């Protein structure tokens, strides 16, 4: 093999490196495309795995190359990436848009630098993937916690997800808010005296106490949910409730 002398011109060397990077990216897609074509069309007429191994591809290689073709061959920016980065991105969550992920800048957890996949090292790409996976896991856990909370609420107070009471316009929202305000005033007027019975609560029986605690806990959860609405309001006005 003849060794060709390398240029001393940095621009030329840079261009050559980018050219080889492009070849590497495109080649993995072309290989994956052909492996898929042979497998789907049964062109070997023998065991596909045996044929793949005869040309240097084990089962894992075949799967990854076909995945690379299926996931990234339609992404124009992915063709410029080396095969090592393309293969590294195969394990991204299925709901992550590949083209967007490749073209968008991501924060490297260890340095705080913002880089695109093309600018990252493979190690930095792994960091970003790990952070993305951890964020996804946190979101899933939060969703589970909210679901568990709702199940507990429904178990205590029944199914409150009645479509009959859904509201979808500002007039209904305003009306519901005013009705709620009036009902809260009535609730406070009816039960405010309970806050004065501190000594008397020492004699309450266990069943009544448990029911009381359950109701208070449910009310707290309900108030927390109501307070979320205020964060979406452009202006928050104090509501003064006169119970006298």
Protein backbone atom coordinates (compact mmCIF):
# COMPACT_ATOMS: atom_id res chain seq x y z
CA UNK A 1 0.00 0.00 0.00
CA UNK A 2 1.42 3.33 -1.06
CA UNK A 3 1.61 5.92 1.73
CA UNK A 4 0.57 9.37 0.53
CA UNK A 5 2.32 12.30 2.20
CA UNK A 6 0.03 14.54 4.17
CA UNK A 7 -0.36 18.23 3.44
CA UNK A 8 1.14 20.84 5.73
CA UNK A 9 -1.80 23.15 5.00
CA UNK A 10 -4.17 22.98 8.00
CA UNK A 11 -7.19 23.88 5.86
CA UNK A 12 -6.45 21.02 3.51
CA UNK A 13 -5.97 18.56 6.37
CA UNK A 14 -9.21 19.81 8.01
CA UNK A 15 -11.09 19.33 4.75
CA UNK A 16 -9.69 15.83 4.39
CA UNK A 17 -10.72 14.93 7.94
CA UNK A 18 -14.25 16.22 7.35
CA UNK A 19 -14.40 14.27 4.09
CA UNK A 20 -13.44 11.03 5.86
CA UNK A 21 -15.96 11.77 8.59
CA UNK A 22 -18.65 12.13 5.94
CA UNK A 23 -17.65 8.87 4.27
CA UNK A 24 -17.79 7.12 7.64
CA UNK A 25 -21.29 8.40 8.34
CA UNK A 26 -22.67 7.59 4.92
CA UNK A 27 -21.00 4.20 4.77
CA UNK A 28 -22.75 2.93 7.91
CA UNK A 29 -26.11 3.85 6.36
CA UNK A 30 -25.26 2.15 3.08
CA UNK A 31 -24.09 -0.96 4.88
CA UNK A 32 -27.24 -1.02 7.04
CA UNK A 33 -29.43 -0.46 4.02
CA UNK A 34 -27.88 -3.42 2.21
CA UNK A 35 -28.01 -5.71 5.23
CA UNK A 36 -31.71 -4.91 5.64
CA UNK A 37 -32.30 -5.45 1.93
CA UNK A 38 -30.65 -8.88 1.97
CA UNK A 39 -32.48 -9.93 5.15
CA UNK A 40 -35.94 -8.73 4.10
CA UNK A 41 -35.69 -10.22 0.62
CA UNK A 42 -34.04 -13.49 1.72
CA UNK A 43 -31.33 -13.10 -0.90
CA UNK A 44 -28.94 -15.50 0.80
CA UNK A 45 -31.23 -18.53 0.41
CA UNK A 46 -29.41 -19.88 3.48
CA UNK A 47 -29.23 -18.78 7.11
CA UNK A 48 -28.89 -14.98 7.09
CA UNK A 49 -26.75 -15.00 10.24
CA UNK A 50 -24.26 -17.42 8.73
CA UNK A 51 -23.95 -15.26 5.63
CA UNK A 52 -23.51 -12.08 7.69
CA UNK A 53 -20.75 -13.71 9.76
CA UNK A 54 -19.01 -14.83 6.57
CA UNK A 55 -18.49 -11.18 5.66
CA UNK A 56 -17.49 -10.10 9.16
CA UNK A 57 -20.82 -9.11 10.77
CA UNK A 58 -22.11 -10.85 13.89
CA UNK A 59 -25.75 -10.61 15.01
CA UNK A 60 -25.11 -7.50 17.13
CA UNK A 61 -23.35 -5.71 14.25
CA UNK A 62 -26.20 -6.46 11.86
CA UNK A 63 -28.82 -5.17 14.30
CA UNK A 64 -26.92 -1.95 15.02
CA UNK A 65 -26.15 -1.16 11.38
CA UNK A 66 -29.77 -1.70 10.36
CA UNK A 67 -30.90 0.47 13.29
CA UNK A 68 -28.47 3.20 12.18
CA UNK A 69 -29.97 3.15 8.69
CA UNK A 70 -33.54 3.21 9.99
CA UNK A 71 -33.02 5.90 12.61
CA UNK A 72 -30.58 8.33 11.01
CA UNK A 73 -30.34 7.87 7.24
CA UNK A 74 -33.08 10.47 6.63
CA UNK A 75 -31.25 13.06 8.72
CA UNK A 76 -29.06 15.27 6.47
CA UNK A 77 -26.82 16.33 9.36
CA UNK A 78 -26.18 12.76 10.49
CA UNK A 79 -24.30 11.93 7.27
CA UNK A 80 -21.47 14.20 8.48
CA UNK A 81 -21.02 12.30 11.74
CA UNK A 82 -18.51 9.51 12.35
CA UNK A 83 -19.99 6.04 12.75
CA UNK A 84 -18.96 5.94 16.45
CA UNK A 85 -21.37 8.79 17.27
CA UNK A 86 -24.17 7.39 15.14
CA UNK A 87 -23.90 4.02 16.88
CA UNK A 88 -23.76 5.78 20.27
CA UNK A 89 -27.06 7.54 19.55
CA UNK A 90 -28.96 4.34 18.75
CA UNK A 91 -29.91 3.98 22.43
CA UNK A 92 -31.61 7.39 22.61
CA UNK A 93 -35.24 7.17 23.83
CA UNK A 94 -37.61 6.37 20.97
CA UNK A 95 -39.54 9.62 21.46
CA UNK A 96 -36.43 11.76 20.83
CA UNK A 97 -36.45 13.22 17.33
CA UNK A 98 -33.15 12.18 15.78
CA UNK A 99 -32.73 15.10 13.38
CA UNK A 100 -33.53 17.61 16.11
CA UNK A 101 -31.15 15.93 18.57
CA UNK A 102 -28.27 16.00 16.09
CA UNK A 103 -28.76 19.61 14.99
CA UNK A 104 -29.53 21.13 18.42
CA UNK A 105 -26.95 22.26 20.97
CA UNK A 106 -26.87 20.36 24.26
CA UNK A 107 -25.29 21.27 27.59
CA UNK A 108 -22.41 19.03 28.61
CA UNK A 109 -23.05 18.22 32.32
CA UNK A 110 -19.37 18.09 33.33
CA UNK A 111 -18.38 21.41 31.74
CA UNK A 112 -21.58 23.39 31.15
CA UNK A 113 -20.52 23.99 27.54
CA UNK A 114 -23.20 23.97 24.82
CA UNK A 115 -22.31 21.81 21.84
CA UNK A 116 -23.95 20.06 18.92
CA UNK A 117 -23.33 16.34 18.44
CA UNK A 118 -20.83 17.16 15.70
CA UNK A 119 -18.80 19.26 18.17
CA UNK A 120 -18.90 16.74 21.01
CA UNK A 121 -16.50 13.96 21.80
CA UNK A 122 -18.01 10.49 22.19
CA UNK A 123 -17.52 10.81 25.96
CA UNK A 124 -19.46 14.10 26.00
CA UNK A 125 -22.21 12.50 23.93
CA UNK A 126 -22.49 9.76 26.53
CA UNK A 127 -22.79 12.40 29.26
CA UNK A 128 -25.64 14.09 27.43
CA UNK A 129 -27.38 10.75 26.86
CA UNK A 130 -27.06 9.87 30.54
CA UNK A 131 -28.47 13.25 31.61
CA UNK A 132 -31.35 12.85 29.17
CA UNK A 133 -32.13 9.39 30.51
CA UNK A 134 -32.01 10.61 34.13
CA UNK A 135 -34.36 13.50 33.31
CA UNK A 136 -36.75 11.06 31.64
CA UNK A 137 -36.66 8.77 34.68
CA UNK A 138 -37.37 11.71 37.02
CA UNK A 139 -40.34 12.73 34.87
CA UNK A 140 -41.67 9.16 34.89
CA UNK A 141 -41.33 8.94 38.69
CA UNK A 142 -43.12 12.29 39.09
CA UNK A 143 -45.92 11.04 36.84
CA UNK A 144 -46.21 7.87 38.92
CA UNK A 145 -46.37 9.91 42.12
CA UNK A 146 -49.14 12.10 40.69
CA UNK A 147 -51.03 9.01 39.54
CA UNK A 148 -50.69 7.41 42.96
CA UNK A 149 -51.90 10.60 44.59
CA UNK A 150 -54.95 10.69 42.31
CA UNK A 151 -55.73 7.03 43.03
CA UNK A 152 -55.58 7.69 46.76
CA UNK A 153 -57.86 10.68 46.35
CA UNK A 154 -60.37 8.71 44.28
CA UNK A 155 -60.27 5.88 46.82
CA UNK A 156 -61.17 8.32 49.58
CA UNK A 157 -63.61 10.59 47.80
CA UNK A 158 -64.79 8.78 44.68
CA UNK A 159 -64.17 9.35 40.96
CA UNK A 160 -64.04 13.11 40.37
CA UNK A 161 -63.12 12.90 36.70
CA UNK A 162 -66.68 13.50 35.49
CA UNK A 163 -66.74 15.03 31.96
CA UNK A 164 -70.08 16.61 32.82
CA UNK A 165 -68.23 19.22 34.86
CA UNK A 166 -65.46 20.04 32.38
CA UNK A 167 -65.20 23.67 31.32
CA UNK A 168 -63.64 24.88 28.09
CA UNK A 169 -64.21 28.63 27.75
CA UNK A 170 -63.56 31.80 29.73
CA UNK A 171 -67.24 32.42 30.52
CA UNK A 172 -67.59 29.04 32.18
CA UNK A 173 -64.26 29.49 33.98
CA UNK A 174 -65.39 32.82 35.42
CA UNK A 175 -68.72 31.36 36.46
CA UNK A 176 -67.10 28.34 38.08
CA UNK A 177 -64.64 30.54 39.96
CA UNK A 178 -67.44 32.72 41.35
CA UNK A 179 -69.52 29.68 42.36
CA UNK A 180 -66.49 28.17 44.04
CA UNK A 181 -65.85 31.39 45.95
CA UNK A 182 -69.44 31.46 47.20
CA UNK A 183 -69.36 27.79 48.24
CA UNK A 184 -66.10 28.32 50.14
CA UNK A 185 -67.69 31.20 52.07
CA UNK A 186 -70.59 28.93 52.97
CA UNK A 187 -68.19 26.17 54.00
CA UNK A 188 -66.27 28.50 56.29
CA UNK A 189 -69.42 29.93 57.82
CA UNK A 190 -70.68 26.41 58.50
CA UNK A 191 -67.51 24.87 59.94
CA UNK A 192 -65.37 27.74 61.20
CA UNK A 193 -66.42 26.96 64.76
CA UNK A 194 -64.46 23.68 64.56
CA UNK A 195 -61.25 25.70 64.81
CA UNK A 196 -62.35 26.84 68.28
CA UNK A 197 -62.88 23.35 69.71
CA UNK A 198 -59.29 22.59 70.66
CA UNK A 199 -59.96 21.05 74.07
CA UNK A 200 -63.07 19.24 72.87
CA UNK A 201 -61.08 17.35 70.19
CA UNK A 202 -59.27 15.43 72.93
CA UNK A 203 -62.50 13.48 73.50
CA UNK A 204 -63.22 12.62 69.86
CA UNK A 205 -63.54 8.89 69.11
CA UNK A 206 -61.05 7.10 66.84
CA UNK A 207 -63.42 6.62 63.89
CA UNK A 208 -64.46 10.28 63.80
CA UNK A 209 -60.85 11.40 64.19
CA UNK A 210 -59.69 9.22 61.29
CA UNK A 211 -62.48 10.54 59.07
CA UNK A 212 -61.66 14.10 60.10
CA UNK A 213 -57.95 13.63 59.33
CA UNK A 214 -58.78 12.08 55.97
CA UNK A 215 -61.04 14.99 55.06
CA UNK A 216 -58.42 17.57 56.08
CA UNK A 217 -55.73 15.74 54.06
CA UNK A 218 -57.98 15.67 51.02
CA UNK A 219 -58.75 19.35 51.44
CA UNK A 220 -55.02 20.16 51.58
CA UNK A 221 -54.41 18.26 48.33
CA UNK A 222 -57.35 20.03 46.74
CA UNK A 223 -56.06 23.47 47.79
CA UNK A 224 -52.59 22.67 46.45
CA UNK A 225 -54.12 21.76 43.11
CA UNK A 226 -56.20 24.96 43.10
CA UNK A 227 -53.14 27.10 43.82
CA UNK A 228 -51.54 25.85 40.61
CA UNK A 229 -54.19 27.79 38.69
CA UNK A 230 -52.91 31.04 40.18
CA UNK A 231 -49.50 30.59 38.59
CA UNK A 232 -51.15 30.76 35.15
CA UNK A 233 -53.07 33.93 35.96
CA UNK A 234 -51.60 37.17 34.60
CA UNK A 235 -52.63 39.06 37.72
CA UNK A 236 -53.23 37.61 41.14
CA UNK A 237 -55.75 39.50 43.24
CA UNK A 238 -56.15 38.76 46.92
CA UNK A 239 -59.57 37.25 47.75
CA UNK A 240 -60.88 38.38 51.13
CA UNK A 241 -63.38 35.96 52.61
CA UNK A 242 -65.61 37.47 55.23
CA UNK A 243 -67.04 34.74 57.41
CA UNK A 244 -68.91 37.08 59.75
